[in-house]
PDB file of N, CA and C in Angstrom:
ATOM      1  N   UNK A   1      21.293  17.634  56.517  1.00  0.00           N
ATOM      2  CA  UNK A   1      19.904  17.818  56.871  1.00  0.00           C
ATOM      3  C   UNK A   1      19.641  19.312  56.904  1.00  0.00           C
ATOM      4  N   UNK A   2      18.489  19.705  56.389  1.00  0.00           N
ATOM      5  CA  UNK A   2      18.104  21.108  56.426  1.00  0.00           C
ATOM      6  C   UNK A   2      16.798  21.236  57.195  1.00  0.00           C
ATOM      7  N   UNK A   3      16.690  22.305  57.952  1.00  0.00           N
ATOM      8  CA  UNK A   3      15.454  22.561  58.691  1.00  0.00           C
ATOM      9  C   UNK A   3      14.737  23.721  58.025  1.00  0.00           C
ATOM     10  N   UNK A   4      13.522  23.504  57.623  1.00  0.00           N
ATOM     11  CA  UNK A   4      12.714  24.544  57.004  1.00  0.00           C
ATOM     12  C   UNK A   4      12.042  25.368  58.098  1.00  0.00           C
ATOM     13  N   UNK A   5      11.551  26.555  57.754  1.00  0.00           N
ATOM     14  CA  UNK A   5      10.857  27.380  58.749  1.00  0.00           C
ATOM     15  C   UNK A   5       9.668  26.667  59.395  1.00  0.00           C
ATOM     16  N   UNK A   6       9.099  25.685  58.711  1.00  0.00           N
ATOM     17  CA  UNK A   6       7.966  24.954  59.268  1.00  0.00           C
ATOM     18  C   UNK A   6       8.382  23.867  60.248  1.00  0.00           C
ATOM     19  N   UNK A   7       9.695  23.740  60.490  1.00  0.00           N
ATOM     20  CA  UNK A   7      10.196  22.763  61.449  1.00  0.00           C
ATOM     21  C   UNK A   7      10.420  21.382  60.868  1.00  0.00           C
ATOM     22  N   UNK A   8      10.161  21.201  59.597  1.00  0.00           N
ATOM     23  CA  UNK A   8      10.346  19.899  58.951  1.00  0.00           C
ATOM     24  C   UNK A   8      11.803  19.741  58.549  1.00  0.00           C
ATOM     25  N   UNK A   9      12.369  18.585  58.835  1.00  0.00           N
ATOM     26  CA  UNK A   9      13.752  18.293  58.458  1.00  0.00           C
ATOM     27  C   UNK A   9      13.742  17.441  57.198  1.00  0.00           C
ATOM     28  N   UNK A  10      14.516  17.848  56.235  1.00  0.00           N
ATOM     29  CA  UNK A  10      14.610  17.102  54.980  1.00  0.00           C
ATOM     30  C   UNK A  10      16.033  16.587  54.835  1.00  0.00           C
ATOM     31  N   UNK A  11      16.146  15.359  54.407  1.00  0.00           N
ATOM     32  CA  UNK A  11      17.449  14.731  54.270  1.00  0.00           C
ATOM     33  C   UNK A  11      17.576  14.148  52.869  1.00  0.00           C
ATOM     34  N   UNK A  12      18.672  14.459  52.210  1.00  0.00           N
ATOM     35  CA  UNK A  12      18.965  13.853  50.916  1.00  0.00           C
ATOM     36  C   UNK A  12      19.849  12.636  51.199  1.00  0.00           C
ATOM     37  N   UNK A  13      19.423  11.486  50.717  1.00  0.00           N
ATOM     38  CA  UNK A  13      20.145  10.248  50.985  1.00  0.00           C
ATOM     39  C   UNK A  13      20.665   9.676  49.671  1.00  0.00           C
ATOM     40  N   UNK A  14      21.945   9.364  49.654  1.00  0.00           N
ATOM     41  CA  UNK A  14      22.524   8.737  48.465  1.00  0.00           C
ATOM     42  C   UNK A  14      22.084   7.276  48.406  1.00  0.00           C
ATOM     43  N   UNK A  15      21.821   6.802  47.220  1.00  0.00           N
ATOM     44  CA  UNK A  15      21.346   5.433  47.032  1.00  0.00           C
ATOM     45  C   UNK A  15      22.270   4.414  47.679  1.00  0.00           C
ATOM     46  N   UNK A  16      23.565   4.630  47.626  1.00  0.00           N
ATOM     47  CA  UNK A  16      24.511   3.658  48.196  1.00  0.00           C
ATOM     48  C   UNK A  16      24.317   3.493  49.708  1.00  0.00           C
ATOM     49  N   UNK A  17      23.826   4.531  50.379  1.00  0.00           N
ATOM     50  CA  UNK A  17      23.605   4.439  51.818  1.00  0.00           C
ATOM     51  C   UNK A  17      22.394   3.577  52.162  1.00  0.00           C
ATOM     52  N   UNK A  18      21.512   3.377  51.207  1.00  0.00           N
ATOM     53  CA  UNK A  18      20.320   2.568  51.446  1.00  0.00           C
ATOM     54  C   UNK A  18      20.622   1.075  51.485  1.00  0.00           C
ATOM     55  N   UNK A  19      21.785   0.685  51.013  1.00  0.00           N
ATOM     56  CA  UNK A  19      22.138  -0.748  50.989  1.00  0.00           C
ATOM     57  C   UNK A  19      22.127  -1.374  52.380  1.00  0.00           C
ATOM     58  N   UNK A  20      22.456  -0.590  53.403  1.00  0.00           N
ATOM     59  CA  UNK A  20      22.514  -1.121  54.766  1.00  0.00           C
ATOM     60  C   UNK A  20      21.271  -0.800  55.587  1.00  0.00           C
ATOM     61  N   UNK A  21      20.267  -0.186  54.970  1.00  0.00           N
ATOM     62  CA  UNK A  21      19.059   0.200  55.702  1.00  0.00           C
ATOM     63  C   UNK A  21      18.282  -1.027  56.158  1.00  0.00           C
ATOM     64  N   UNK A  22      17.786  -0.971  57.392  1.00  0.00           N
ATOM     65  CA  UNK A  22      16.904  -2.034  57.894  1.00  0.00           C
ATOM     66  C   UNK A  22      15.450  -1.701  57.605  1.00  0.00           C
ATOM     67  N   UNK A  23      15.166  -0.390  57.544  1.00  0.00           N
ATOM     68  CA  UNK A  23      13.823   0.054  57.206  1.00  0.00           C
ATOM     69  C   UNK A  23      13.908   1.422  56.557  1.00  0.00           C
ATOM     70  N   UNK A  24      12.843   1.779  55.851  1.00  0.00           N
ATOM     71  CA  UNK A  24      12.777   3.085  55.189  1.00  0.00           C
ATOM     72  C   UNK A  24      11.316   3.445  55.012  1.00  0.00           C
ATOM     73  N   UNK A  25      11.055   4.751  54.903  1.00  0.00           N
ATOM     74  CA  UNK A  25       9.683   5.185  54.666  1.00  0.00           C
ATOM     75  C   UNK A  25       9.661   6.478  53.872  1.00  0.00           C
ATOM     76  N   UNK A  26       8.524   6.718  53.264  1.00  0.00           N
ATOM     77  CA  UNK A  26       8.246   7.970  52.582  1.00  0.00           C
ATOM     78  C   UNK A  26       7.232   8.719  53.432  1.00  0.00           C
ATOM     79  N   UNK A  27       7.330  10.027  53.453  1.00  0.00           N
ATOM     80  CA  UNK A  27       6.351  10.829  54.192  1.00  0.00           C
ATOM     81  C   UNK A  27       5.887  11.971  53.309  1.00  0.00           C
ATOM     82  N   UNK A  28       4.582  12.178  53.301  1.00  0.00           N
ATOM     83  CA  UNK A  28       4.012  13.290  52.550  1.00  0.00           C
ATOM     84  C   UNK A  28       2.650  13.631  53.144  1.00  0.00           C
ATOM     85  N   UNK A  29       2.121  14.766  52.762  1.00  0.00           N
ATOM     86  CA  UNK A  29       0.815  15.153  53.284  1.00  0.00           C
ATOM     87  C   UNK A  29      -0.305  14.283  52.730  1.00  0.00           C
ATOM     88  N   UNK A  30      -0.129  13.718  51.551  1.00  0.00           N
ATOM     89  CA  UNK A  30      -1.195  12.904  50.978  1.00  0.00           C
ATOM     90  C   UNK A  30      -1.132  11.441  51.400  1.00  0.00           C
ATOM     91  N   UNK A  31       0.064  10.916  51.608  1.00  0.00           N
ATOM     92  CA  UNK A  31       0.206   9.503  51.994  1.00  0.00           C
ATOM     93  C   UNK A  31       0.597   9.341  53.451  1.00  0.00           C
ATOM     94  N   UNK A  32       0.821  10.441  54.132  1.00  0.00           N
ATOM     95  CA  UNK A  32       1.312  10.434  55.506  1.00  0.00           C
ATOM     96  C   UNK A  32       2.624   9.653  55.552  1.00  0.00           C
ATOM     97  N   UNK A  33       2.735   8.617  56.366  1.00  0.00           N
ATOM     98  CA  UNK A  33       3.986   7.851  56.452  1.00  0.00           C
ATOM     99  C   UNK A  33       3.733   6.470  55.868  1.00  0.00           C
ATOM    100  N   UNK A  34       4.497   6.134  54.848  1.00  0.00           N
ATOM    101  CA  UNK A  34       4.307   4.856  54.157  1.00  0.00           C
ATOM    102  C   UNK A  34       5.614   4.074  54.178  1.00  0.00           C
ATOM    103  N   UNK A  35       5.563   2.864  54.714  1.00  0.00           N
ATOM    104  CA  UNK A  35       6.744   2.007  54.776  1.00  0.00           C
ATOM    105  C   UNK A  35       7.177   1.580  53.378  1.00  0.00           C
ATOM    106  N   UNK A  36       8.471   1.427  53.197  1.00  0.00           N
ATOM    107  CA  UNK A  36       9.041   0.896  51.966  1.00  0.00           C
ATOM    108  C   UNK A  36       9.397  -0.556  52.242  1.00  0.00           C
ATOM    109  N   UNK A  37       8.855  -1.461  51.471  1.00  0.00           N
ATOM    110  CA  UNK A  37       9.026  -2.884  51.721  1.00  0.00           C
ATOM    111  C   UNK A  37      10.290  -3.493  51.154  1.00  0.00           C
ATOM    112  N   UNK A  38      10.872  -2.849  50.121  1.00  0.00           N
ATOM    113  CA  UNK A  38      12.077  -3.412  49.513  1.00  0.00           C
ATOM    114  C   UNK A  38      12.821  -2.325  48.742  1.00  0.00           C
ATOM    115  N   UNK A  39      14.113  -2.482  48.671  1.00  0.00           N
ATOM    116  CA  UNK A  39      14.972  -1.629  47.848  1.00  0.00           C
ATOM    117  C   UNK A  39      15.824  -2.562  47.006  1.00  0.00           C
ATOM    118  N   UNK A  40      15.718  -2.416  45.701  1.00  0.00           N
ATOM    119  CA  UNK A  40      16.464  -3.280  44.779  1.00  0.00           C
ATOM    120  C   UNK A  40      16.312  -4.756  45.132  1.00  0.00           C
ATOM    121  N   UNK A  41      15.076  -5.183  45.338  1.00  0.00           N
ATOM    122  CA  UNK A  41      14.731  -6.578  45.626  1.00  0.00           C
ATOM    123  C   UNK A  41      15.197  -7.077  46.993  1.00  0.00           C
ATOM    124  N   UNK A  42      15.786  -6.221  47.813  1.00  0.00           N
ATOM    125  CA  UNK A  42      16.172  -6.601  49.178  1.00  0.00           C
ATOM    126  C   UNK A  42      15.048  -6.172  50.106  1.00  0.00           C
ATOM    127  N   UNK A  43      14.436  -7.141  50.777  1.00  0.00           N
ATOM    128  CA  UNK A  43      13.305  -6.846  51.650  1.00  0.00           C
ATOM    129  C   UNK A  43      13.748  -6.099  52.896  1.00  0.00           C
ATOM    130  N   UNK A  44      12.876  -5.177  53.328  1.00  0.00           N
ATOM    131  CA  UNK A  44      13.120  -4.391  54.533  1.00  0.00           C
ATOM    132  C   UNK A  44      12.051  -4.710  55.562  1.00  0.00           C
ATOM    133  N   UNK A  45      12.349  -4.396  56.810  1.00  0.00           N
ATOM    134  CA  UNK A  45      11.355  -4.517  57.867  1.00  0.00           C
ATOM    135  C   UNK A  45      10.312  -3.428  57.604  1.00  0.00           C
ATOM    136  N   UNK A  46       9.084  -3.819  57.317  1.00  0.00           N
ATOM    137  CA  UNK A  46       8.082  -2.828  56.940  1.00  0.00           C
ATOM    138  C   UNK A  46       6.711  -3.178  57.496  1.00  0.00           C
ATOM    139  N   UNK A  47       6.129  -2.388  58.335  1.00  0.00           N
ATOM    140  CA  UNK A  47       6.772  -1.213  58.911  1.00  0.00           C
ATOM    141  C   UNK A  47       7.627  -1.603  60.104  1.00  0.00           C
ATOM    142  N   UNK A  48       8.736  -0.938  60.227  1.00  0.00           N
ATOM    143  CA  UNK A  48       9.627  -1.170  61.356  1.00  0.00           C
ATOM    144  C   UNK A  48       9.293  -0.240  62.513  1.00  0.00           C
ATOM    145  N   UNK A  49      10.073  -0.342  63.567  1.00  0.00           N
ATOM    146  CA  UNK A  49       9.837   0.438  64.785  1.00  0.00           C
ATOM    147  C   UNK A  49       9.920   1.950  64.524  1.00  0.00           C
ATOM    148  N   UNK A  50      10.909   2.371  63.764  1.00  0.00           N
ATOM    149  CA  UNK A  50      11.069   3.800  63.479  1.00  0.00           C
ATOM    150  C   UNK A  50       9.936   4.292  62.590  1.00  0.00           C
ATOM    151  N   UNK A  51       9.563   3.503  61.600  1.00  0.00           N
ATOM    152  CA  UNK A  51       8.459   3.872  60.714  1.00  0.00           C
ATOM    153  C   UNK A  51       7.163   3.995  61.500  1.00  0.00           C
ATOM    154  N   UNK A  52       6.903   3.052  62.385  1.00  0.00           N
ATOM    155  CA  UNK A  52       5.687   3.103  63.203  1.00  0.00           C
ATOM    156  C   UNK A  52       5.674   4.335  64.094  1.00  0.00           C
ATOM    157  N   UNK A  53       6.821   4.686  64.675  1.00  0.00           N
ATOM    158  CA  UNK A  53       6.906   5.880  65.518  1.00  0.00           C
ATOM    159  C   UNK A  53       6.689   7.147  64.692  1.00  0.00           C
ATOM    160  N   UNK A  54       7.254   7.193  63.496  1.00  0.00           N
ATOM    161  CA  UNK A  54       7.057   8.348  62.611  1.00  0.00           C
ATOM    162  C   UNK A  54       5.588   8.476  62.218  1.00  0.00           C
ATOM    163  N   UNK A  55       4.943   7.362  61.921  1.00  0.00           N
ATOM    164  CA  UNK A  55       3.531   7.381  61.547  1.00  0.00           C
ATOM    165  C   UNK A  55       2.674   7.882  62.706  1.00  0.00           C
ATOM    166  N   UNK A  56       2.978   7.435  63.910  1.00  0.00           N
ATOM    167  CA  UNK A  56       2.220   7.869  65.081  1.00  0.00           C
ATOM    168  C   UNK A  56       2.417   9.363  65.340  1.00  0.00           C
ATOM    169  N   UNK A  57       3.646   9.840  65.204  1.00  0.00           N
ATOM    170  CA  UNK A  57       3.927  11.262  65.404  1.00  0.00           C
ATOM    171  C   UNK A  57       3.224  12.101  64.343  1.00  0.00           C
ATOM    172  N   UNK A  58       3.256  11.650  63.107  1.00  0.00           N
ATOM    173  CA  UNK A  58       2.597  12.361  62.009  1.00  0.00           C
ATOM    174  C   UNK A  58       1.092  12.443  62.280  1.00  0.00           C
ATOM    175  N   UNK A  59       0.497  11.323  62.642  1.00  0.00           N
ATOM    176  CA  UNK A  59      -0.947  11.281  62.892  1.00  0.00           C
ATOM    177  C   UNK A  59      -1.322  12.177  64.069  1.00  0.00           C
ATOM    178  N   UNK A  60      -0.520  12.175  65.123  1.00  0.00           N
ATOM    179  CA  UNK A  60      -0.802  13.024  66.284  1.00  0.00           C
ATOM    180  C   UNK A  60      -0.743  14.501  65.905  1.00  0.00           C
ATOM    181  N   UNK A  61       0.250  14.863  65.116  1.00  0.00           N
ATOM    182  CA  UNK A  61       0.381  16.253  64.679  1.00  0.00           C
ATOM    183  C   UNK A  61      -0.781  16.644  63.771  1.00  0.00           C
ATOM    184  N   UNK A  62      -1.150  15.750  62.847  1.00  0.00           N
ATOM    185  CA  UNK A  62      -2.290  16.000  61.960  1.00  0.00           C
ATOM    186  C   UNK A  62      -3.556  16.216  62.773  1.00  0.00           C
ATOM    187  N   UNK A  63      -3.799  15.345  63.742  1.00  0.00           N
ATOM    188  CA  UNK A  63      -4.996  15.443  64.568  1.00  0.00           C
ATOM    189  C   UNK A  63      -5.012  16.742  65.370  1.00  0.00           C
ATOM    190  N   UNK A  64      -3.860  17.144  65.859  1.00  0.00           N
ATOM    191  CA  UNK A  64      -3.739  18.398  66.610  1.00  0.00           C
ATOM    192  C   UNK A  64      -4.092  19.598  65.713  1.00  0.00           C
ATOM    193  N   UNK A  65      -3.577  19.586  64.504  1.00  0.00           N
ATOM    194  CA  UNK A  65      -3.878  20.670  63.570  1.00  0.00           C
ATOM    195  C   UNK A  65      -5.348  20.704  63.187  1.00  0.00           C
ATOM    196  N   UNK A  66      -5.932  19.540  62.972  1.00  0.00           N
ATOM    197  CA  UNK A  66      -7.351  19.494  62.601  1.00  0.00           C
ATOM    198  C   UNK A  66      -8.250  19.923  63.753  1.00  0.00           C
ATOM    199  N   UNK A  67      -7.862  19.583  64.973  1.00  0.00           N
ATOM    200  CA  UNK A  67      -8.661  19.976  66.138  1.00  0.00           C
ATOM    201  C   UNK A  67      -8.617  21.485  66.349  1.00  0.00           C
ATOM    202  N   UNK A  68      -7.522  22.102  65.972  1.00  0.00           N
ATOM    203  CA  UNK A  68      -7.370  23.549  66.147  1.00  0.00           C
ATOM    204  C   UNK A  68      -8.055  24.337  65.033  1.00  0.00           C
ATOM    205  N   UNK A  69      -8.422  23.660  63.964  1.00  0.00           N
ATOM    206  CA  UNK A  69      -9.009  24.365  62.802  1.00  0.00           C
ATOM    207  C   UNK A  69     -10.475  24.701  63.018  1.00  0.00           C
TER     208      UNK A  69
END
């Protein structure tokens, strides 16, 4: 995991590690937090508890930044 000066942590994940994932999500400034419903036809919990928490944290941070602008 690497921490950028902006405080964002980025993680490179090998595909083989996703085989045991219960949930997964993508995060970006344009899509915010988006649950991944399946990997290689294996369904995931979407959105799961961690994904929902990440989405809430992202939205709170976005709202804080917009209020300060």
